[in-house]
């Protein structure tokens, strides 16, 4: 699954839109995010770890890495 579909799925479960995620990122990062900017970053897999951490925070989730061994 690519980043945009995963984030959309998780956001939908929490009742959050990509528009509200873009607004949250803008308010908490000091940078300006639009829905198009966020969608493009997710679609092209160029989103930064720090941005994904903020998205997880906005969704009241934790970003973790799991060892598949």
PDB file of N, CA and C in Angstrom:
ATOM      1  N   UNK A   1       0.845  -1.180   0.000  1.00  0.00           N
ATOM      2  CA  UNK A   1       0.000   0.000   0.000  1.00  0.00           C
ATOM      3  C   UNK A   1       0.887   1.239   0.000  1.00  0.00           C
ATOM      4  N   UNK A   2       0.536   2.233  -0.797  1.00  0.00           N
ATOM      5  CA  UNK A   2       1.350   3.444  -0.828  1.00  0.00           C
ATOM      6  C   UNK A   2       0.939   4.410   0.279  1.00  0.00           C
ATOM      7  N   UNK A   3       1.762   5.415   0.507  1.00  0.00           N
ATOM      8  CA  UNK A   3       1.578   6.331   1.638  1.00  0.00           C
ATOM      9  C   UNK A   3       0.236   7.047   1.594  1.00  0.00           C
ATOM     10  N   UNK A   4      -0.179   7.521   0.434  1.00  0.00           N
ATOM     11  CA  UNK A   4      -1.414   8.296   0.383  1.00  0.00           C
ATOM     12  C   UNK A   4      -2.624   7.447   0.758  1.00  0.00           C
ATOM     13  N   UNK A   5      -2.671   6.211   0.276  1.00  0.00           N
ATOM     14  CA  UNK A   5      -3.806   5.347   0.616  1.00  0.00           C
ATOM     15  C   UNK A   5      -3.796   4.974   2.092  1.00  0.00           C
ATOM     16  N   UNK A   6      -2.621   4.722   2.625  1.00  0.00           N
ATOM     17  CA  UNK A   6      -2.518   4.371   4.039  1.00  0.00           C
ATOM     18  C   UNK A   6      -2.946   5.532   4.930  1.00  0.00           C
ATOM     19  N   UNK A   7      -2.454   6.736   4.633  1.00  0.00           N
ATOM     20  CA  UNK A   7      -2.822   7.900   5.437  1.00  0.00           C
ATOM     21  C   UNK A   7      -4.315   8.184   5.296  1.00  0.00           C
ATOM     22  N   UNK A   8      -4.851   8.096   4.087  1.00  0.00           N
ATOM     23  CA  UNK A   8      -6.288   8.312   3.891  1.00  0.00           C
ATOM     24  C   UNK A   8      -7.110   7.305   4.693  1.00  0.00           C
ATOM     25  N   UNK A   9      -6.692   6.047   4.682  1.00  0.00           N
ATOM     26  CA  UNK A   9      -7.412   5.006   5.410  1.00  0.00           C
ATOM     27  C   UNK A   9      -7.379   5.275   6.915  1.00  0.00           C
ATOM     28  N   UNK A  10      -6.198   5.584   7.441  1.00  0.00           N
ATOM     29  CA  UNK A  10      -6.078   5.864   8.873  1.00  0.00           C
ATOM     30  C   UNK A  10      -6.843   7.118   9.265  1.00  0.00           C
ATOM     31  N   UNK A  11      -6.778   8.140   8.418  1.00  0.00           N
ATOM     32  CA  UNK A  11      -7.501   9.377   8.696  1.00  0.00           C
ATOM     33  C   UNK A  11      -9.011   9.140   8.686  1.00  0.00           C
ATOM     34  N   UNK A  12      -9.487   8.371   7.728  1.00  0.00           N
ATOM     35  CA  UNK A  12     -10.923   8.085   7.639  1.00  0.00           C
ATOM     36  C   UNK A  12     -11.409   7.364   8.890  1.00  0.00           C
ATOM     37  N   UNK A  13     -10.601   6.443   9.413  1.00  0.00           N
ATOM     38  CA  UNK A  13     -10.971   5.728  10.636  1.00  0.00           C
ATOM     39  C   UNK A  13     -11.123   6.671  11.820  1.00  0.00           C
ATOM     40  N   UNK A  14     -10.356   7.766  11.791  1.00  0.00           N
ATOM     41  CA  UNK A  14     -10.402   8.753  12.874  1.00  0.00           C
ATOM     42  C   UNK A  14     -11.354   9.907  12.561  1.00  0.00           C
ATOM     43  N   UNK A  15     -11.958   9.890  11.371  1.00  0.00           N
ATOM     44  CA  UNK A  15     -12.870  10.963  10.982  1.00  0.00           C
ATOM     45  C   UNK A  15     -12.161  12.267  10.651  1.00  0.00           C
ATOM     46  N   UNK A  16     -10.941  12.160  10.123  1.00  0.00           N
ATOM     47  CA  UNK A  16     -10.107  13.324   9.806  1.00  0.00           C
ATOM     48  C   UNK A  16      -9.902  13.387   8.301  1.00  0.00           C
ATOM     49  N   UNK A  17      -9.950  14.584   7.736  1.00  0.00           N
ATOM     50  CA  UNK A  17      -9.733  14.766   6.302  1.00  0.00           C
ATOM     51  C   UNK A  17      -8.283  15.147   6.031  1.00  0.00           C
ATOM     52  N   UNK A  18      -7.863  14.974   4.778  1.00  0.00           N
ATOM     53  CA  UNK A  18      -6.519  15.428   4.391  1.00  0.00           C
ATOM     54  C   UNK A  18      -6.412  16.943   4.525  1.00  0.00           C
ATOM     55  N   UNK A  19      -7.509  17.642   4.309  1.00  0.00           N
ATOM     56  CA  UNK A  19      -7.514  19.101   4.472  1.00  0.00           C
ATOM     57  C   UNK A  19      -7.188  19.477   5.915  1.00  0.00           C
ATOM     58  N   UNK A  20      -7.807  18.783   6.864  1.00  0.00           N
ATOM     59  CA  UNK A  20      -7.517  19.097   8.265  1.00  0.00           C
ATOM     60  C   UNK A  20      -6.099  18.664   8.646  1.00  0.00           C
ATOM     61  N   UNK A  21      -5.589  17.600   8.029  1.00  0.00           N
ATOM     62  CA  UNK A  21      -4.194  17.211   8.270  1.00  0.00           C
ATOM     63  C   UNK A  21      -3.240  18.275   7.751  1.00  0.00           C
ATOM     64  N   UNK A  22      -3.526  18.810   6.566  1.00  0.00           N
ATOM     65  CA  UNK A  22      -2.691  19.879   6.000  1.00  0.00           C
ATOM     66  C   UNK A  22      -2.705  21.096   6.919  1.00  0.00           C
ATOM     67  N   UNK A  23      -3.871  21.420   7.452  1.00  0.00           N
ATOM     68  CA  UNK A  23      -3.983  22.559   8.374  1.00  0.00           C
ATOM     69  C   UNK A  23      -3.181  22.286   9.649  1.00  0.00           C
ATOM     70  N   UNK A  24      -3.274  21.078  10.179  1.00  0.00           N
ATOM     71  CA  UNK A  24      -2.526  20.701  11.386  1.00  0.00           C
ATOM     72  C   UNK A  24      -1.019  20.822  11.135  1.00  0.00           C
ATOM     73  N   UNK A  25      -0.575  20.302   9.995  1.00  0.00           N
ATOM     74  CA  UNK A  25       0.844  20.398   9.653  1.00  0.00           C
ATOM     75  C   UNK A  25       1.290  21.853   9.575  1.00  0.00           C
ATOM     76  N   UNK A  26       0.483  22.701   8.970  1.00  0.00           N
ATOM     77  CA  UNK A  26       0.816  24.120   8.868  1.00  0.00           C
ATOM     78  C   UNK A  26       0.932  24.762  10.243  1.00  0.00           C
ATOM     79  N   UNK A  27      -0.002  24.436  11.123  1.00  0.00           N
ATOM     80  CA  UNK A  27      -0.021  25.037  12.460  1.00  0.00           C
ATOM     81  C   UNK A  27       1.118  24.548  13.350  1.00  0.00           C
ATOM     82  N   UNK A  28       1.591  23.328  13.129  1.00  0.00           N
ATOM     83  CA  UNK A  28       2.578  22.743  14.032  1.00  0.00           C
ATOM     84  C   UNK A  28       3.990  22.633  13.459  1.00  0.00           C
ATOM     85  N   UNK A  29       4.170  23.025  12.214  1.00  0.00           N
ATOM     86  CA  UNK A  29       5.503  22.901  11.623  1.00  0.00           C
ATOM     87  C   UNK A  29       6.146  24.238  11.284  1.00  0.00           C
ATOM     88  N   UNK A  30       5.337  25.278  11.221  1.00  0.00           N
ATOM     89  CA  UNK A  30       5.878  26.572  10.813  1.00  0.00           C
ATOM     90  C   UNK A  30       5.983  26.717   9.301  1.00  0.00           C
ATOM     91  N   UNK A  31       5.522  25.707   8.560  1.00  0.00           N
ATOM     92  CA  UNK A  31       5.510  25.745   7.101  1.00  0.00           C
ATOM     93  C   UNK A  31       4.058  25.766   6.638  1.00  0.00           C
ATOM     94  N   UNK A  32       3.847  26.180   5.413  1.00  0.00           N
ATOM     95  CA  UNK A  32       2.497  26.210   4.866  1.00  0.00           C
ATOM     96  C   UNK A  32       2.250  24.950   4.051  1.00  0.00           C
ATOM     97  N   UNK A  33       1.208  24.229   4.409  1.00  0.00           N
ATOM     98  CA  UNK A  33       0.802  23.016   3.693  1.00  0.00           C
ATOM     99  C   UNK A  33      -0.585  23.228   3.111  1.00  0.00           C
ATOM    100  N   UNK A  34      -0.733  22.875   1.845  1.00  0.00           N
ATOM    101  CA  UNK A  34      -2.051  22.863   1.213  1.00  0.00           C
ATOM    102  C   UNK A  34      -2.439  21.409   1.009  1.00  0.00           C
ATOM    103  N   UNK A  35      -3.687  21.172   0.718  1.00  0.00           N
ATOM    104  CA  UNK A  35      -4.138  19.814   0.443  1.00  0.00           C
ATOM    105  C   UNK A  35      -3.379  19.246  -0.755  1.00  0.00           C
ATOM    106  N   UNK A  36      -3.143  20.068  -1.773  1.00  0.00           N
ATOM    107  CA  UNK A  36      -2.412  19.604  -2.958  1.00  0.00           C
ATOM    108  C   UNK A  36      -0.964  19.266  -2.628  1.00  0.00           C
ATOM    109  N   UNK A  37      -0.334  20.109  -1.829  1.00  0.00           N
ATOM    110  CA  UNK A  37       1.052  19.879  -1.429  1.00  0.00           C
ATOM    111  C   UNK A  37       1.170  18.582  -0.647  1.00  0.00           C
ATOM    112  N   UNK A  38       0.283  18.381   0.322  1.00  0.00           N
ATOM    113  CA  UNK A  38       0.315  17.168   1.129  1.00  0.00           C
ATOM    114  C   UNK A  38       0.029  15.936   0.274  1.00  0.00           C
ATOM    115  N   UNK A  39      -0.976  16.005  -0.575  1.00  0.00           N
ATOM    116  CA  UNK A  39      -1.314  14.873  -1.448  1.00  0.00           C
ATOM    117  C   UNK A  39      -0.152  14.508  -2.357  1.00  0.00           C
ATOM    118  N   UNK A  40       0.492  15.513  -2.925  1.00  0.00           N
ATOM    119  CA  UNK A  40       1.639  15.257  -3.810  1.00  0.00           C
ATOM    120  C   UNK A  40       2.795  14.586  -3.070  1.00  0.00           C
ATOM    121  N   UNK A  41       3.078  15.058  -1.850  1.00  0.00           N
ATOM    122  CA  UNK A  41       4.148  14.453  -1.054  1.00  0.00           C
ATOM    123  C   UNK A  41       3.832  12.995  -0.744  1.00  0.00           C
ATOM    124  N   UNK A  42       2.591  12.716  -0.384  1.00  0.00           N
ATOM    125  CA  UNK A  42       2.197  11.344  -0.077  1.00  0.00           C
ATOM    126  C   UNK A  42       2.205  10.469  -1.318  1.00  0.00           C
ATOM    127  N   UNK A  43       1.689  11.000  -2.421  1.00  0.00           N
ATOM    128  CA  UNK A  43       1.597  10.231  -3.667  1.00  0.00           C
ATOM    129  C   UNK A  43       2.977   9.888  -4.216  1.00  0.00           C
ATOM    130  N   UNK A  44       3.907  10.830  -4.119  1.00  0.00           N
ATOM    131  CA  UNK A  44       5.244  10.618  -4.687  1.00  0.00           C
ATOM    132  C   UNK A  44       6.228  10.029  -3.669  1.00  0.00           C
ATOM    133  N   UNK A  45       5.723   9.747  -2.458  1.00  0.00           N
ATOM    134  CA  UNK A  45       6.563   9.195  -1.389  1.00  0.00           C
ATOM    135  C   UNK A  45       7.765  10.076  -1.073  1.00  0.00           C
ATOM    136  N   UNK A  46       7.556  11.375  -1.069  1.00  0.00           N
ATOM    137  CA  UNK A  46       8.620  12.313  -0.721  1.00  0.00           C
ATOM    138  C   UNK A  46       8.359  12.987   0.619  1.00  0.00           C
ATOM    139  N   UNK A  47       7.434  12.447   1.376  1.00  0.00           N
ATOM    140  CA  UNK A  47       7.104  13.031   2.683  1.00  0.00           C
ATOM    141  C   UNK A  47       8.216  12.694   3.675  1.00  0.00           C
ATOM    142  N   UNK A  48       8.532  13.634   4.517  1.00  0.00           N
ATOM    143  CA  UNK A  48       9.615  13.456   5.492  1.00  0.00           C
ATOM    144  C   UNK A  48       9.102  12.726   6.737  1.00  0.00           C
ATOM    145  N   UNK A  49      10.047  12.134   7.432  1.00  0.00           N
ATOM    146  CA  UNK A  49       9.728  11.447   8.682  1.00  0.00           C
ATOM    147  C   UNK A  49       9.078  12.415   9.664  1.00  0.00           C
ATOM    148  N   UNK A  50       9.605  13.635   9.771  1.00  0.00           N
ATOM    149  CA  UNK A  50       9.054  14.623  10.705  1.00  0.00           C
ATOM    150  C   UNK A  50       7.599  14.953  10.353  1.00  0.00           C
ATOM    151  N   UNK A  51       7.284  14.962   9.064  1.00  0.00           N
ATOM    152  CA  UNK A  51       5.906  15.223   8.638  1.00  0.00           C
ATOM    153  C   UNK A  51       4.998  14.045   8.982  1.00  0.00           C
ATOM    154  N   UNK A  52       5.516  12.833   8.820  1.00  0.00           N
ATOM    155  CA  UNK A  52       4.733  11.649   9.176  1.00  0.00           C
ATOM    156  C   UNK A  52       4.499  11.595  10.683  1.00  0.00           C
ATOM    157  N   UNK A  53       5.481  12.026  11.477  1.00  0.00           N
ATOM    158  CA  UNK A  53       5.291  12.073  12.923  1.00  0.00           C
ATOM    159  C   UNK A  53       4.172  13.052  13.283  1.00  0.00           C
ATOM    160  N   UNK A  54       4.120  14.192  12.605  1.00  0.00           N
ATOM    161  CA  UNK A  54       3.052  15.156  12.869  1.00  0.00           C
ATOM    162  C   UNK A  54       1.692  14.603  12.450  1.00  0.00           C
ATOM    163  N   UNK A  55       1.658  13.880  11.339  1.00  0.00           N
ATOM    164  CA  UNK A  55       0.403  13.264  10.899  1.00  0.00           C
ATOM    165  C   UNK A  55      -0.059  12.253  11.940  1.00  0.00           C
ATOM    166  N   UNK A  56       0.857  11.428  12.431  1.00  0.00           N
ATOM    167  CA  UNK A  56       0.515  10.460  13.472  1.00  0.00           C
ATOM    168  C   UNK A  56       0.001  11.169  14.716  1.00  0.00           C
ATOM    169  N   UNK A  57       0.644  12.265  15.080  1.00  0.00           N
ATOM    170  CA  UNK A  57       0.216  13.058  16.233  1.00  0.00           C
ATOM    171  C   UNK A  57      -1.196  13.602  16.016  1.00  0.00           C
ATOM    172  N   UNK A  58      -1.450  14.107  14.822  1.00  0.00           N
ATOM    173  CA  UNK A  58      -2.771  14.660  14.505  1.00  0.00           C
ATOM    174  C   UNK A  58      -3.855  13.588  14.584  1.00  0.00           C
ATOM    175  N   UNK A  59      -3.483  12.352  14.281  1.00  0.00           N
ATOM    176  CA  UNK A  59      -4.429  11.238  14.299  1.00  0.00           C
ATOM    177  C   UNK A  59      -4.448  10.528  15.654  1.00  0.00           C
ATOM    178  N   UNK A  60      -3.728  11.092  16.628  1.00  0.00           N
ATOM    179  CA  UNK A  60      -3.612  10.505  17.954  1.00  0.00           C
ATOM    180  C   UNK A  60      -3.106   9.064  17.855  1.00  0.00           C
ATOM    181  N   UNK A  61      -2.050   8.912  17.053  1.00  0.00           N
ATOM    182  CA  UNK A  61      -1.428   7.615  16.835  1.00  0.00           C
ATOM    183  C   UNK A  61       0.068   7.745  17.088  1.00  0.00           C
ATOM    184  N   UNK A  62       0.729   6.608  17.128  1.00  0.00           N
ATOM    185  CA  UNK A  62       2.171   6.586  17.324  1.00  0.00           C
ATOM    186  C   UNK A  62       2.820   5.970  16.093  1.00  0.00           C
ATOM    187  N   UNK A  63       3.873   6.578  15.620  1.00  0.00           N
ATOM    188  CA  UNK A  63       4.622   6.065  14.486  1.00  0.00           C
ATOM    189  C   UNK A  63       5.724   5.161  15.020  1.00  0.00           C
ATOM    190  N   UNK A  64       5.686   3.891  14.618  1.00  0.00           N
ATOM    191  CA  UNK A  64       6.686   2.932  15.102  1.00  0.00           C
ATOM    192  C   UNK A  64       7.227   2.094  13.966  1.00  0.00           C
ATOM    193  N   UNK A  65       8.382   1.522  14.179  1.00  0.00           N
ATOM    194  CA  UNK A  65       8.987   0.602  13.236  1.00  0.00           C
ATOM    195  C   UNK A  65       8.954  -0.777  13.865  1.00  0.00           C
ATOM    196  N   UNK A  66       8.644  -1.777  13.070  1.00  0.00           N
ATOM    197  CA  UNK A  66       8.521  -3.144  13.579  1.00  0.00           C
ATOM    198  C   UNK A  66       9.513  -4.029  12.836  1.00  0.00           C
ATOM    199  N   UNK A  67      10.265  -4.806  13.592  1.00  0.00           N
ATOM    200  CA  UNK A  67      11.183  -5.770  13.007  1.00  0.00           C
ATOM    201  C   UNK A  67      10.371  -6.974  12.552  1.00  0.00           C
ATOM    202  N   UNK A  68      10.464  -7.315  11.282  1.00  0.00           N
ATOM    203  CA  UNK A  68       9.656  -8.411  10.721  1.00  0.00           C
ATOM    204  C   UNK A  68      10.279  -9.782  10.942  1.00  0.00           C
ATOM    205  N   UNK A  69      11.385  -9.868  11.664  1.00  0.00           N
ATOM    206  CA  UNK A  69      12.035 -11.166  11.880  1.00  0.00           C
ATOM    207  C   UNK A  69      11.234 -12.029  12.809  1.00  0.00           C
TER     208      UNK A  69
END
